[in-house]
């Protein structure tokens, strides 16, 4: 049987990715230090590799598809098909930012002020290309970690680092003077597989639909309630919904059953208003996917 070769990112994205697949309907089990997790789908074989390397393996055809950050695709300058943007990371559903930071008391204010200076970063290739395209001569060195500390130790004049809120950078006595781009997780595919293998393309497409459905459902819940006919219009007007609420008459009564999907953050404000408007039997339930 032909199998889809799927790459799962090892490291910071590993747990969040496996959990997302679980919510989408696939159970992936990692055994010890094995790089070949088990998955409960006979049509898929899984391999694990660092997110930094994923796009290279997908581009070369070692993997048919995989999940990695947009930043590492740009770093590797990989020619892959971006099937979907998946807004999740190891800690949240927000995108991260790659920024340029210098000491808070530095006289460096703009990119041009870095001419002749040294920059430390994990994003070496992208940073070199970025400054070369602007004819700004800089030395870019790879940082194995603790990048922010390189400036404090006098090992670099600036850092190109990833951040979500900027709080860690500020805590290290640095200030952000430039933002390069925002990055999020992406589902990517090998171009030849995507163009010439209809079965694998359909399989990848199905994975995309269910992963996106699981992400949409993450911060949403369903609400079901009973509403008297006289209060139906007033209550429906205060109900948020993706399209419109589902309304059905209750058997041999002048009451209706109403069902909606709402953001979880709205529920604590919405339920008291519904009760005041006459709704009864309100039930909140979790959603696994919203397609």
Protein backbone atom coordinates (compact mmCIF):
# COMPACT_ATOMS: atom_id res chain seq x y z
CA UNK A 1 0.00 0.00 0.00
CA UNK A 2 1.21 3.47 -0.91
CA UNK A 3 1.57 5.61 2.22
CA UNK A 4 1.71 9.33 2.82
CA UNK A 5 5.03 10.22 4.43
CA UNK A 6 4.21 12.82 7.08
CA UNK A 7 6.79 14.85 9.00
CA UNK A 8 6.08 15.72 12.63
CA UNK A 9 8.28 18.48 14.12
CA UNK A 10 10.47 17.32 16.99
CA UNK A 11 11.23 19.76 19.78
CA UNK A 12 9.21 22.77 20.86
CA UNK A 13 6.32 22.12 18.45
CA UNK A 14 6.14 18.38 19.10
CA UNK A 15 3.62 18.25 21.93
CA UNK A 16 1.32 20.91 20.43
CA UNK A 17 1.36 19.19 17.03
CA UNK A 18 0.55 15.73 18.41
CA UNK A 19 -2.25 17.25 20.48
CA UNK A 20 -3.65 19.03 17.42
CA UNK A 21 -3.69 15.79 15.45
CA UNK A 22 -5.47 14.10 18.36
CA UNK A 23 -8.18 16.73 18.30
CA UNK A 24 -8.39 16.34 14.52
CA UNK A 25 -8.93 12.57 14.84
CA UNK A 26 -5.46 10.97 14.62
CA UNK A 27 -3.61 9.45 17.56
CA UNK A 28 0.18 9.62 17.28
CA UNK A 29 2.27 7.72 19.81
CA UNK A 30 5.96 8.47 20.30
CA UNK A 31 7.98 5.60 21.80
CA UNK A 32 11.11 6.65 23.68
CA UNK A 33 13.68 8.14 21.37
CA UNK A 34 12.21 6.66 18.19
CA UNK A 35 12.03 8.99 15.21
CA UNK A 36 9.18 6.98 13.67
CA UNK A 37 6.01 7.45 15.76
CA UNK A 38 3.03 5.17 15.43
CA UNK A 39 -0.20 6.61 14.01
CA UNK A 40 -3.62 4.98 13.91
CA UNK A 41 -3.99 5.43 10.15
CA UNK A 42 -2.64 2.68 7.84
CA UNK A 43 -2.37 5.21 5.00
CA UNK A 44 0.18 7.41 6.85
CA UNK A 45 3.74 6.80 8.00
CA UNK A 46 5.23 9.35 10.41
CA UNK A 47 8.77 10.59 10.79
CA UNK A 48 10.08 13.12 13.26
CA UNK A 49 12.70 15.77 12.55
CA UNK A 50 13.59 19.22 13.78
CA UNK A 51 11.34 22.00 12.52
CA UNK A 52 14.50 23.77 11.29
CA UNK A 53 15.13 20.89 8.85
CA UNK A 54 11.58 19.92 7.88
CA UNK A 55 11.26 22.06 4.73
CA UNK A 56 14.48 20.60 3.32
CA UNK A 57 13.17 17.05 3.66
CA UNK A 58 9.83 17.99 2.11
CA UNK A 59 11.48 19.89 -0.73
CA UNK A 60 13.79 16.97 -1.54
CA UNK A 61 10.96 14.41 -1.45
CA UNK A 62 12.19 12.45 1.57
CA UNK A 63 8.82 13.47 3.09
CA UNK A 64 5.60 14.10 1.18
CA UNK A 65 4.39 16.72 3.64
CA UNK A 66 5.13 18.06 7.09
CA UNK A 67 4.54 20.79 9.63
CA UNK A 68 7.06 23.49 10.37
CA UNK A 69 7.36 27.22 10.96
CA UNK A 70 7.16 29.72 8.14
CA UNK A 71 10.43 31.11 9.52
CA UNK A 72 12.39 27.93 8.82
CA UNK A 73 10.99 27.67 5.29
CA UNK A 74 12.28 31.19 4.71
CA UNK A 75 15.60 30.42 6.39
CA UNK A 76 16.15 27.40 4.13
CA UNK A 77 14.68 29.20 1.09
CA UNK A 78 12.80 25.96 0.40
CA UNK A 79 10.60 25.49 -2.66
CA UNK A 80 7.54 23.82 -1.15
CA UNK A 81 3.76 24.13 -1.45
CA UNK A 82 2.18 25.89 1.53
CA UNK A 83 -1.06 23.95 1.96
CA UNK A 84 -2.35 25.81 5.03
CA UNK A 85 -1.46 28.30 7.72
CA UNK A 86 -2.00 26.67 11.12
CA UNK A 87 -2.16 29.29 13.84
CA UNK A 88 -0.61 27.48 16.77
CA UNK A 89 2.74 27.33 18.53
CA UNK A 90 4.18 25.58 21.56
CA UNK A 91 2.40 28.02 23.87
CA UNK A 92 -0.45 29.79 22.10
CA UNK A 93 -2.41 30.38 18.90
CA UNK A 94 -0.68 33.68 18.20
CA UNK A 95 1.97 34.21 15.52
CA UNK A 96 5.52 34.94 16.62
CA UNK A 97 7.70 37.82 15.41
CA UNK A 98 11.29 37.83 14.25
CA UNK A 99 12.83 41.12 15.36
CA UNK A 100 16.13 42.96 15.52
CA UNK A 101 17.12 44.01 19.05
CA UNK A 102 20.00 46.05 20.44
CA UNK A 103 20.96 47.19 23.97
CA UNK A 104 18.46 49.62 25.44
CA UNK A 105 21.16 52.34 25.64
CA UNK A 106 22.63 51.63 22.20
CA UNK A 107 23.15 54.39 19.67
CA UNK A 108 22.00 51.99 16.95
CA UNK A 109 18.57 53.23 15.80
CA UNK A 110 18.15 51.94 12.24
CA UNK A 111 19.27 49.07 10.05
CA UNK A 112 21.90 51.27 8.37
CA UNK A 113 23.50 51.96 11.76
CA UNK A 114 24.49 48.25 11.83
CA UNK A 115 26.96 48.63 8.95
CA UNK A 116 30.17 46.90 9.99
CA UNK A 117 28.55 45.42 13.10
CA UNK A 118 28.09 41.82 14.27
CA UNK A 119 24.66 40.14 14.59
CA UNK A 120 23.93 36.87 16.41
CA UNK A 121 20.94 34.74 15.41
CA UNK A 122 19.61 31.27 14.59
CA UNK A 123 18.15 32.72 11.40
CA UNK A 124 21.53 33.14 9.72
CA UNK A 125 20.74 32.68 6.01
CA UNK A 126 17.64 34.87 6.06
CA UNK A 127 19.43 37.63 7.98
CA UNK A 128 22.40 37.60 5.60
CA UNK A 129 20.10 37.81 2.57
CA UNK A 130 18.03 40.58 4.16
CA UNK A 131 21.00 42.87 4.82
CA UNK A 132 22.72 41.99 1.52
CA UNK A 133 19.59 43.01 -0.42
CA UNK A 134 19.84 46.42 1.27
CA UNK A 135 23.60 46.73 0.72
CA UNK A 136 24.31 46.94 4.45
CA UNK A 137 27.58 45.10 5.28
CA UNK A 138 27.20 43.09 8.49
CA UNK A 139 28.70 39.97 10.01
CA UNK A 140 26.08 37.37 10.89
CA UNK A 141 27.02 34.55 13.26
CA UNK A 142 24.98 31.52 14.25
CA UNK A 143 23.80 31.41 17.86
CA UNK A 144 23.21 28.06 19.53
CA UNK A 145 20.84 29.59 22.08
CA UNK A 146 20.64 32.26 24.78
CA UNK A 147 20.90 34.68 21.88
CA UNK A 148 19.86 37.73 23.91
CA UNK A 149 22.83 37.19 26.24
CA UNK A 150 25.30 37.52 23.36
CA UNK A 151 24.93 41.29 23.38
CA UNK A 152 25.35 41.59 27.14
CA UNK A 153 28.52 39.49 26.92
CA UNK A 154 29.93 41.71 24.17
CA UNK A 155 29.85 38.89 21.62
CA UNK A 156 27.51 40.73 19.26
CA UNK A 157 26.20 44.23 18.61
CA UNK A 158 22.65 43.09 17.92
CA UNK A 159 20.50 39.97 17.79
CA UNK A 160 17.81 38.73 15.45
CA UNK A 161 15.47 36.80 17.69
CA UNK A 162 11.97 35.37 17.81
CA UNK A 163 9.42 36.74 20.26
CA UNK A 164 5.70 36.80 20.88
CA UNK A 165 5.25 39.71 23.28
CA UNK A 166 8.76 41.16 23.47
CA UNK A 167 8.85 40.76 27.26
CA UNK A 168 11.85 38.39 27.29
CA UNK A 169 13.85 40.70 25.07
CA UNK A 170 13.05 43.65 27.30
CA UNK A 171 13.95 41.62 30.40
CA UNK A 172 17.44 41.10 28.96
CA UNK A 173 17.97 44.85 28.69
CA UNK A 174 17.35 45.02 24.95
CA UNK A 175 15.02 47.09 22.76
CA UNK A 176 13.43 46.15 19.44
CA UNK A 177 14.31 48.50 16.59
CA UNK A 178 12.99 46.52 13.63
CA UNK A 179 10.50 43.73 12.87
CA UNK A 180 11.30 41.41 9.95
CA UNK A 181 8.17 39.26 9.66
CA UNK A 182 5.58 37.27 11.55
CA UNK A 183 5.73 33.49 11.55
CA UNK A 184 3.32 30.66 12.28
CA UNK A 185 3.17 26.93 11.75
CA UNK A 186 2.43 25.80 8.20
CA UNK A 187 1.42 22.51 6.59
CA UNK A 188 3.68 22.11 3.57
CA UNK A 189 3.88 19.59 0.74
CA UNK A 190 6.43 18.46 -1.83
CA UNK A 191 5.63 20.26 -5.13
CA UNK A 192 5.88 17.11 -7.28
CA UNK A 193 3.66 15.11 -4.93
CA UNK A 194 1.14 17.95 -4.83
CA UNK A 195 1.00 18.27 -8.62
CA UNK A 196 1.39 14.67 -9.79
CA UNK A 197 -0.02 12.36 -7.11
CA UNK A 198 -3.81 12.83 -6.84
CA UNK A 199 -4.20 10.30 -4.01
CA UNK A 200 -1.57 11.94 -1.80
CA UNK A 201 -2.85 15.42 -2.63
CA UNK A 202 -6.36 14.41 -1.55
CA UNK A 203 -4.99 12.82 1.63
CA UNK A 204 -3.03 15.98 2.47
CA UNK A 205 -6.13 18.04 1.74
CA UNK A 206 -8.19 15.93 4.12
CA UNK A 207 -5.59 16.38 6.85
CA UNK A 208 -5.66 20.13 6.24
CA UNK A 209 -9.47 20.32 6.58
CA UNK A 210 -9.50 18.43 9.87
CA UNK A 211 -6.54 20.27 11.39
CA UNK A 212 -8.09 23.63 10.54
CA UNK A 213 -11.42 22.41 11.92
CA UNK A 214 -9.78 21.44 15.21
CA UNK A 215 -8.07 24.83 15.47
CA UNK A 216 -11.31 26.73 14.79
CA UNK A 217 -13.06 24.76 17.51
CA UNK A 218 -10.34 25.35 20.09
CA UNK A 219 -11.83 28.52 21.57
CA UNK A 220 -15.46 27.84 20.75
CA UNK A 221 -18.32 26.07 22.51
CA UNK A 222 -21.87 25.11 21.64
CA UNK A 223 -24.86 26.52 23.50
CA UNK A 224 -28.28 24.87 23.50
CA UNK A 225 -31.35 26.32 25.23
CA UNK A 226 -35.13 26.38 25.30
CA UNK A 227 -36.89 29.66 24.55
CA UNK A 228 -40.61 30.57 24.75
CA UNK A 229 -42.12 31.77 21.49
CA UNK A 230 -42.85 35.24 22.90
CA UNK A 231 -39.16 35.74 23.73
CA UNK A 232 -37.69 34.11 20.63
CA UNK A 233 -36.98 37.23 18.56
CA UNK A 234 -35.43 39.18 21.43
CA UNK A 235 -33.11 36.32 22.40
CA UNK A 236 -32.06 35.50 18.85
CA UNK A 237 -30.99 39.13 18.38
CA UNK A 238 -28.42 38.86 21.18
CA UNK A 239 -27.01 35.50 20.05
CA UNK A 240 -23.74 35.53 18.14
CA UNK A 241 -23.33 32.74 15.60
CA UNK A 242 -21.16 31.66 12.68
CA UNK A 243 -24.14 31.99 10.34
CA UNK A 244 -27.50 31.88 12.12
CA UNK A 245 -28.79 29.92 15.12
CA UNK A 246 -30.46 26.55 14.63
CA UNK A 247 -34.10 26.81 15.75
CA UNK A 248 -36.56 23.95 16.09
CA UNK A 249 -40.05 23.84 17.69
CA UNK A 250 -40.51 21.62 20.74
CA UNK A 251 -43.22 18.99 20.37
CA UNK A 252 -46.74 20.24 21.14
CA UNK A 253 -45.57 23.39 22.96
CA UNK A 254 -45.04 27.08 22.19
CA UNK A 255 -41.34 26.72 23.03
CA UNK A 256 -38.33 26.41 20.75
CA UNK A 257 -34.95 24.74 20.99
CA UNK A 258 -32.15 27.07 19.93
CA UNK A 259 -28.54 26.06 19.29
CA UNK A 260 -25.51 28.22 18.47
CA UNK A 261 -21.70 28.12 18.39
CA UNK A 262 -19.97 30.98 20.20
CA UNK A 263 -16.53 32.04 21.38
CA UNK A 264 -15.86 30.64 24.84
CA UNK A 265 -14.86 34.09 26.11
CA UNK A 266 -18.37 35.39 25.39
CA UNK A 267 -20.22 32.76 27.40
CA UNK A 268 -19.81 34.32 30.85
CA UNK A 269 -21.42 37.54 29.60
CA UNK A 270 -23.98 35.86 27.35
CA UNK A 271 -25.60 33.34 29.72
CA UNK A 272 -26.82 35.91 32.30
CA UNK A 273 -28.38 37.93 29.45
CA UNK A 274 -30.10 34.82 28.09
CA UNK A 275 -31.53 33.96 31.50
CA UNK A 276 -32.83 37.50 31.94
CA UNK A 277 -34.49 37.29 28.52
CA UNK A 278 -36.31 34.06 29.44
CA UNK A 279 -34.09 31.25 28.17
CA UNK A 280 -34.18 28.00 30.14
CA UNK A 281 -32.35 24.67 30.14
CA UNK A 282 -29.13 26.24 28.91
CA UNK A 283 -26.46 23.65 28.10
CA UNK A 284 -22.84 24.44 27.21
CA UNK A 285 -20.80 21.75 25.47
CA UNK A 286 -17.30 21.55 23.95
CA UNK A 287 -16.63 21.44 20.22
CA UNK A 288 -13.97 19.20 18.69
CA UNK A 289 -14.05 20.53 15.12
CA UNK A 290 -15.67 23.39 13.25
CA UNK A 291 -15.50 22.74 9.52
